[in-house]
């Protein structure tokens, strides 16, 4: 469970979390200390420890904030009644890649550290994936209610889609095999893969 101490007006928790995202993204959990975060946030170490009982709690809160932001981006881009399923999925992929580009520290934390998460942070990752598998059924072509076999095949396709998106996102990290590749080209490629996956007949 993440800490939520001191969240009222005047709280320095937002600055601490923003600094933690930046520092954890650069150094990882093992390479980060409370003094590192305090220096980046422009606060005392006592301020950091007031809000977070441990470095692990701070890391979990930082990752939770990143996933909350990404959830909001995905929710805003999801299909509406005026947007077709395939177009809607394309909008989601575009929105995620745009967020990666405009939030480099959050994107690096997600790309590099979430995929190797353990403990409570792994639970955050698993809930994130499960949420978007459920939501992604909206992208599937409309049709009659699925039988068990069709439902299982569709669930596998959606899990494969999310795994592929996460894998490619991780490959774009600084030392990944896609580091330095044109972001728009990667985004267009992922958009095509996503649309093919959800359009495939089980």
C-alpha atoms as a PDB file:
ATOM      1  CA  UNK A   1       0.000   0.000   0.000  1.00  0.00           C
ATOM      2  CA  UNK A   2       1.427   3.392  -0.958  1.00  0.00           C
ATOM      3  CA  UNK A   3       1.811   6.226   1.527  1.00  0.00           C
ATOM      4  CA  UNK A   4      -0.631   9.153   1.353  1.00  0.00           C
ATOM      5  CA  UNK A   5       0.663  11.328   4.181  1.00  0.00           C
ATOM      6  CA  UNK A   6       0.480  15.095   3.903  1.00  0.00           C
ATOM      7  CA  UNK A   7      -1.672  15.486   0.796  1.00  0.00           C
ATOM      8  CA  UNK A   8      -3.403  18.731   1.786  1.00  0.00           C
ATOM      9  CA  UNK A   9      -2.718  22.300   0.626  1.00  0.00           C
ATOM     10  CA  UNK A  10       0.936  23.236   0.930  1.00  0.00           C
ATOM     11  CA  UNK A  11       2.063  19.625   0.864  1.00  0.00           C
ATOM     12  CA  UNK A  12       5.403  18.976  -0.846  1.00  0.00           C
ATOM     13  CA  UNK A  13       4.332  15.457  -1.827  1.00  0.00           C
ATOM     14  CA  UNK A  14       3.731  16.380  -5.506  1.00  0.00           C
ATOM     15  CA  UNK A  15       7.249  17.814  -5.813  1.00  0.00           C
ATOM     16  CA  UNK A  16       8.731  14.758  -4.108  1.00  0.00           C
ATOM     17  CA  UNK A  17       6.869  12.395  -6.452  1.00  0.00           C
ATOM     18  CA  UNK A  18       7.851  14.373  -9.554  1.00  0.00           C
ATOM     19  CA  UNK A  19      11.490  14.296  -8.477  1.00  0.00           C
ATOM     20  CA  UNK A  20      11.269  10.592  -7.626  1.00  0.00           C
ATOM     21  CA  UNK A  21       9.968   9.758 -11.114  1.00  0.00           C
ATOM     22  CA  UNK A  22      12.901  11.612 -12.638  1.00  0.00           C
ATOM     23  CA  UNK A  23      15.551  10.081 -10.368  1.00  0.00           C
ATOM     24  CA  UNK A  24      14.178   6.524 -10.441  1.00  0.00           C
ATOM     25  CA  UNK A  25      13.941   6.737 -14.239  1.00  0.00           C
ATOM     26  CA  UNK A  26      17.630   7.668 -14.431  1.00  0.00           C
ATOM     27  CA  UNK A  27      19.067   5.452 -11.696  1.00  0.00           C
ATOM     28  CA  UNK A  28      16.542   2.719 -10.943  1.00  0.00           C
ATOM     29  CA  UNK A  29      15.407   1.604  -7.510  1.00  0.00           C
ATOM     30  CA  UNK A  30      18.763   0.234  -6.363  1.00  0.00           C
ATOM     31  CA  UNK A  31      20.708   3.310  -7.484  1.00  0.00           C
ATOM     32  CA  UNK A  32      18.415   5.887  -5.857  1.00  0.00           C
ATOM     33  CA  UNK A  33      18.512   7.194  -2.288  1.00  0.00           C
ATOM     34  CA  UNK A  34      16.297   9.538  -0.295  1.00  0.00           C
ATOM     35  CA  UNK A  35      18.987  12.261  -0.412  1.00  0.00           C
ATOM     36  CA  UNK A  36      19.010  11.974  -4.243  1.00  0.00           C
ATOM     37  CA  UNK A  37      15.264  12.549  -4.370  1.00  0.00           C
ATOM     38  CA  UNK A  38      15.383  15.321  -1.774  1.00  0.00           C
ATOM     39  CA  UNK A  39      18.057  17.172  -3.765  1.00  0.00           C
ATOM     40  CA  UNK A  40      16.101  16.825  -7.027  1.00  0.00           C
ATOM     41  CA  UNK A  41      12.909  18.042  -5.318  1.00  0.00           C
ATOM     42  CA  UNK A  42      14.606  20.924  -3.514  1.00  0.00           C
ATOM     43  CA  UNK A  43      13.447  19.694  -0.110  1.00  0.00           C
ATOM     44  CA  UNK A  44      15.058  18.150   2.963  1.00  0.00           C
ATOM     45  CA  UNK A  45      15.447  14.411   3.455  1.00  0.00           C
ATOM     46  CA  UNK A  46      13.091  14.768   6.425  1.00  0.00           C
ATOM     47  CA  UNK A  47      10.395  16.019   4.052  1.00  0.00           C
ATOM     48  CA  UNK A  48      10.794  12.918   1.879  1.00  0.00           C
ATOM     49  CA  UNK A  49      10.660  10.559   4.855  1.00  0.00           C
ATOM     50  CA  UNK A  50       7.625  12.403   6.232  1.00  0.00           C
ATOM     51  CA  UNK A  51       5.646  11.488   3.110  1.00  0.00           C
ATOM     52  CA  UNK A  52       7.140   8.039   2.420  1.00  0.00           C
ATOM     53  CA  UNK A  53       8.197   5.463   4.994  1.00  0.00           C
ATOM     54  CA  UNK A  54      10.624   3.668   2.680  1.00  0.00           C
ATOM     55  CA  UNK A  55      12.299   3.925  -0.692  1.00  0.00           C
ATOM     56  CA  UNK A  56      10.146   1.039  -1.908  1.00  0.00           C
ATOM     57  CA  UNK A  57       6.957   2.920  -0.920  1.00  0.00           C
ATOM     58  CA  UNK A  58       8.213   5.976  -2.797  1.00  0.00           C
ATOM     59  CA  UNK A  59       9.022   3.864  -5.866  1.00  0.00           C
ATOM     60  CA  UNK A  60       5.580   2.250  -5.800  1.00  0.00           C
ATOM     61  CA  UNK A  61       3.891   5.657  -5.516  1.00  0.00           C
ATOM     62  CA  UNK A  62       5.983   7.007  -8.389  1.00  0.00           C
ATOM     63  CA  UNK A  63       5.054   4.054 -10.581  1.00  0.00           C
ATOM     64  CA  UNK A  64       1.411   4.334  -9.536  1.00  0.00           C
ATOM     65  CA  UNK A  65       1.346   7.983 -10.583  1.00  0.00           C
ATOM     66  CA  UNK A  66       2.883   7.109 -13.969  1.00  0.00           C
ATOM     67  CA  UNK A  67       0.243   4.417 -14.554  1.00  0.00           C
ATOM     68  CA  UNK A  68      -2.552   6.761 -13.425  1.00  0.00           C
ATOM     69  CA  UNK A  69      -1.375   9.367 -15.947  1.00  0.00           C
ATOM     70  CA  UNK A  70      -1.141   6.760 -18.691  1.00  0.00           C
ATOM     71  CA  UNK A  71      -4.581   5.402 -17.794  1.00  0.00           C
ATOM     72  CA  UNK A  72      -6.012   8.921 -18.177  1.00  0.00           C
ATOM     73  CA  UNK A  73      -4.369   9.320 -21.593  1.00  0.00           C
ATOM     74  CA  UNK A  74      -5.758   5.966 -22.765  1.00  0.00           C
ATOM     75  CA  UNK A  75      -9.226   6.695 -21.375  1.00  0.00           C
ATOM     76  CA  UNK A  76      -9.361  10.064 -23.164  1.00  0.00           C
ATOM     77  CA  UNK A  77      -8.391   8.436 -26.480  1.00  0.00           C
ATOM     78  CA  UNK A  78     -10.683   5.401 -26.315  1.00  0.00           C
ATOM     79  CA  UNK A  79     -13.303   4.928 -29.037  1.00  0.00           C
ATOM     80  CA  UNK A  80     -16.609   6.766 -28.881  1.00  0.00           C
ATOM     81  CA  UNK A  81     -19.840   6.170 -30.758  1.00  0.00           C
ATOM     82  CA  UNK A  82     -18.544   8.455 -33.516  1.00  0.00           C
ATOM     83  CA  UNK A  83     -15.248   6.561 -33.978  1.00  0.00           C
ATOM     84  CA  UNK A  84     -14.915   3.113 -35.540  1.00  0.00           C
ATOM     85  CA  UNK A  85     -13.170   0.316 -33.649  1.00  0.00           C
ATOM     86  CA  UNK A  86     -10.013   0.321 -35.794  1.00  0.00           C
ATOM     87  CA  UNK A  87      -9.763   4.111 -35.818  1.00  0.00           C
ATOM     88  CA  UNK A  88     -10.269   4.135 -32.059  1.00  0.00           C
ATOM     89  CA  UNK A  89      -7.468   1.666 -31.495  1.00  0.00           C
ATOM     90  CA  UNK A  90      -5.195   3.763 -33.689  1.00  0.00           C
ATOM     91  CA  UNK A  91      -6.032   6.824 -31.619  1.00  0.00           C
ATOM     92  CA  UNK A  92      -5.097   4.971 -28.430  1.00  0.00           C
ATOM     93  CA  UNK A  93      -1.720   3.873 -29.850  1.00  0.00           C
ATOM     94  CA  UNK A  94      -1.034   7.417 -31.077  1.00  0.00           C
ATOM     95  CA  UNK A  95      -1.981   8.888 -27.701  1.00  0.00           C
ATOM     96  CA  UNK A  96       0.272   6.496 -25.772  1.00  0.00           C
ATOM     97  CA  UNK A  97       3.253   7.131 -28.029  1.00  0.00           C
ATOM     98  CA  UNK A  98       2.615  10.884 -27.872  1.00  0.00           C
ATOM     99  CA  UNK A  99       2.592  10.696 -24.073  1.00  0.00           C
ATOM    100  CA  UNK A 100       5.861   8.732 -24.119  1.00  0.00           C
ATOM    101  CA  UNK A 101       7.407  11.486 -26.241  1.00  0.00           C
ATOM    102  CA  UNK A 102       6.175  14.387 -24.097  1.00  0.00           C
ATOM    103  CA  UNK A 103       6.909  12.735 -20.709  1.00  0.00           C
ATOM    104  CA  UNK A 104      10.399  11.238 -21.128  1.00  0.00           C
ATOM    105  CA  UNK A 105      11.054  10.528 -17.433  1.00  0.00           C
ATOM    106  CA  UNK A 106       7.683   8.860 -16.862  1.00  0.00           C
ATOM    107  CA  UNK A 107       8.078   6.965 -20.135  1.00  0.00           C
ATOM    108  CA  UNK A 108      11.505   5.693 -19.160  1.00  0.00           C
ATOM    109  CA  UNK A 109      10.253   4.570 -15.753  1.00  0.00           C
ATOM    110  CA  UNK A 110       7.427   2.691 -17.472  1.00  0.00           C
ATOM    111  CA  UNK A 111       9.552   1.283 -20.295  1.00  0.00           C
ATOM    112  CA  UNK A 112      12.596   0.260 -18.301  1.00  0.00           C
ATOM    113  CA  UNK A 113      11.486  -0.523 -14.775  1.00  0.00           C
ATOM    114  CA  UNK A 114       7.853  -1.649 -14.946  1.00  0.00           C
ATOM    115  CA  UNK A 115       8.628  -4.642 -17.148  1.00  0.00           C
ATOM    116  CA  UNK A 116      11.076  -6.018 -14.542  1.00  0.00           C
ATOM    117  CA  UNK A 117       8.867  -5.125 -11.575  1.00  0.00           C
ATOM    118  CA  UNK A 118       8.635  -7.309  -8.495  1.00  0.00           C
ATOM    119  CA  UNK A 119       6.423  -7.367  -5.398  1.00  0.00           C
ATOM    120  CA  UNK A 120       3.843  -4.600  -5.048  1.00  0.00           C
ATOM    121  CA  UNK A 121       4.944  -2.891  -8.241  1.00  0.00           C
ATOM    122  CA  UNK A 122       4.414  -6.119 -10.173  1.00  0.00           C
ATOM    123  CA  UNK A 123       0.878  -6.190  -8.791  1.00  0.00           C
ATOM    124  CA  UNK A 124       0.379  -2.653 -10.133  1.00  0.00           C
ATOM    125  CA  UNK A 125       1.623  -3.805 -13.533  1.00  0.00           C
ATOM    126  CA  UNK A 126      -0.623  -6.871 -13.552  1.00  0.00           C
ATOM    127  CA  UNK A 127      -3.705  -4.823 -12.609  1.00  0.00           C
ATOM    128  CA  UNK A 128      -2.833  -2.287 -15.322  1.00  0.00           C
ATOM    129  CA  UNK A 129      -2.630  -5.027 -17.962  1.00  0.00           C
ATOM    130  CA  UNK A 130      -5.835  -6.708 -16.759  1.00  0.00           C
ATOM    131  CA  UNK A 131      -7.710  -3.386 -16.857  1.00  0.00           C
ATOM    132  CA  UNK A 132      -6.682  -2.677 -20.432  1.00  0.00           C
ATOM    133  CA  UNK A 133      -7.404  -6.206 -21.616  1.00  0.00           C
ATOM    134  CA  UNK A 134     -10.979  -5.707 -20.362  1.00  0.00           C
ATOM    135  CA  UNK A 135     -11.243  -2.275 -21.949  1.00  0.00           C
ATOM    136  CA  UNK A 136      -9.716  -3.413 -25.234  1.00  0.00           C
ATOM    137  CA  UNK A 137     -12.718  -5.600 -26.008  1.00  0.00           C
ATOM    138  CA  UNK A 138     -14.283  -2.358 -27.214  1.00  0.00           C
ATOM    139  CA  UNK A 139     -11.789  -2.348 -30.113  1.00  0.00           C
ATOM    140  CA  UNK A 140     -12.882  -5.747 -31.408  1.00  0.00           C
ATOM    141  CA  UNK A 141     -15.207  -5.914 -34.431  1.00  0.00           C
ATOM    142  CA  UNK A 142     -18.849  -5.923 -33.417  1.00  0.00           C
ATOM    143  CA  UNK A 143     -20.643  -9.237 -33.646  1.00  0.00           C
ATOM    144  CA  UNK A 144     -22.721 -11.770 -31.797  1.00  0.00           C
ATOM    145  CA  UNK A 145     -21.824 -12.569 -28.164  1.00  0.00           C
ATOM    146  CA  UNK A 146     -18.694 -14.728 -28.094  1.00  0.00           C
ATOM    147  CA  UNK A 147     -18.685 -18.399 -27.257  1.00  0.00           C
ATOM    148  CA  UNK A 148     -16.065 -19.564 -24.759  1.00  0.00           C
ATOM    149  CA  UNK A 149     -13.621 -20.505 -27.502  1.00  0.00           C
ATOM    150  CA  UNK A 150     -13.958 -17.160 -29.262  1.00  0.00           C
ATOM    151  CA  UNK A 151     -13.694 -15.278 -25.979  1.00  0.00           C
ATOM    152  CA  UNK A 152     -10.505 -17.159 -25.082  1.00  0.00           C
ATOM    153  CA  UNK A 153      -8.981 -16.410 -28.496  1.00  0.00           C
ATOM    154  CA  UNK A 154      -9.897 -12.734 -28.258  1.00  0.00           C
ATOM    155  CA  UNK A 155      -8.476 -12.457 -24.737  1.00  0.00           C
ATOM    156  CA  UNK A 156      -5.221 -14.019 -25.935  1.00  0.00           C
ATOM    157  CA  UNK A 157      -5.078 -11.581 -28.851  1.00  0.00           C
ATOM    158  CA  UNK A 158      -5.599  -8.607 -26.547  1.00  0.00           C
ATOM    159  CA  UNK A 159      -3.010  -9.815 -24.040  1.00  0.00           C
ATOM    160  CA  UNK A 160      -0.593 -10.336 -26.948  1.00  0.00           C
ATOM    161  CA  UNK A 161      -1.293  -6.796 -28.113  1.00  0.00           C
ATOM    162  CA  UNK A 162      -0.555  -5.258 -24.717  1.00  0.00           C
ATOM    163  CA  UNK A 163       2.562  -7.431 -24.311  1.00  0.00           C
ATOM    164  CA  UNK A 164       3.782  -6.330 -27.755  1.00  0.00           C
ATOM    165  CA  UNK A 165       3.185  -2.665 -26.944  1.00  0.00           C
ATOM    166  CA  UNK A 166       5.072  -3.008 -23.661  1.00  0.00           C
ATOM    167  CA  UNK A 167       7.919  -4.918 -25.321  1.00  0.00           C
ATOM    168  CA  UNK A 168       8.389  -2.307 -28.034  1.00  0.00           C
ATOM    169  CA  UNK A 169       8.164   0.494 -25.482  1.00  0.00           C
ATOM    170  CA  UNK A 170      10.941  -1.177 -23.476  1.00  0.00           C
ATOM    171  CA  UNK A 171      13.036  -1.668 -26.620  1.00  0.00           C
ATOM    172  CA  UNK A 172      13.005   2.109 -27.123  1.00  0.00           C
ATOM    173  CA  UNK A 173      14.816   2.726 -23.823  1.00  0.00           C
ATOM    174  CA  UNK A 174      18.307   4.221 -23.967  1.00  0.00           C
ATOM    175  CA  UNK A 175      20.135   0.913 -24.323  1.00  0.00           C
ATOM    176  CA  UNK A 176      17.342  -0.973 -26.101  1.00  0.00           C
ATOM    177  CA  UNK A 177      17.512  -2.335 -29.657  1.00  0.00           C
ATOM    178  CA  UNK A 178      15.100   0.368 -30.899  1.00  0.00           C
ATOM    179  CA  UNK A 179      16.892   3.254 -29.163  1.00  0.00           C
ATOM    180  CA  UNK A 180      17.333   6.111 -31.603  1.00  0.00           C
ATOM    181  CA  UNK A 181      14.770   4.803 -34.091  1.00  0.00           C
ATOM    182  CA  UNK A 182      12.289   7.340 -35.440  1.00  0.00           C
ATOM    183  CA  UNK A 183       9.425   7.496 -32.927  1.00  0.00           C
ATOM    184  CA  UNK A 184       6.798   8.162 -35.604  1.00  0.00           C
ATOM    185  CA  UNK A 185       7.919   5.113 -37.583  1.00  0.00           C
ATOM    186  CA  UNK A 186       7.717   2.918 -34.467  1.00  0.00           C
ATOM    187  CA  UNK A 187       4.309   4.331 -33.621  1.00  0.00           C
ATOM    188  CA  UNK A 188       2.947   3.675 -37.123  1.00  0.00           C
ATOM    189  CA  UNK A 189       4.319   0.137 -37.048  1.00  0.00           C
ATOM    190  CA  UNK A 190       2.713  -0.565 -33.684  1.00  0.00           C
ATOM    191  CA  UNK A 191      -0.546   0.892 -34.890  1.00  0.00           C
ATOM    192  CA  UNK A 192      -0.552  -1.528 -37.823  1.00  0.00           C
ATOM    193  CA  UNK A 193       0.308  -4.515 -35.609  1.00  0.00           C
ATOM    194  CA  UNK A 194      -2.405  -3.547 -33.122  1.00  0.00           C
ATOM    195  CA  UNK A 195      -5.057  -3.271 -35.795  1.00  0.00           C
ATOM    196  CA  UNK A 196      -4.107  -6.602 -37.355  1.00  0.00           C
ATOM    197  CA  UNK A 197      -4.229  -8.349 -33.976  1.00  0.00           C
ATOM    198  CA  UNK A 198      -7.701  -7.167 -33.063  1.00  0.00           C
ATOM    199  CA  UNK A 199      -9.068  -7.670 -36.572  1.00  0.00           C
ATOM    200  CA  UNK A 200      -7.901 -11.276 -36.849  1.00  0.00           C
ATOM    201  CA  UNK A 201     -10.631 -13.895 -36.776  1.00  0.00           C
ATOM    202  CA  UNK A 202     -10.185 -16.440 -33.934  1.00  0.00           C
END
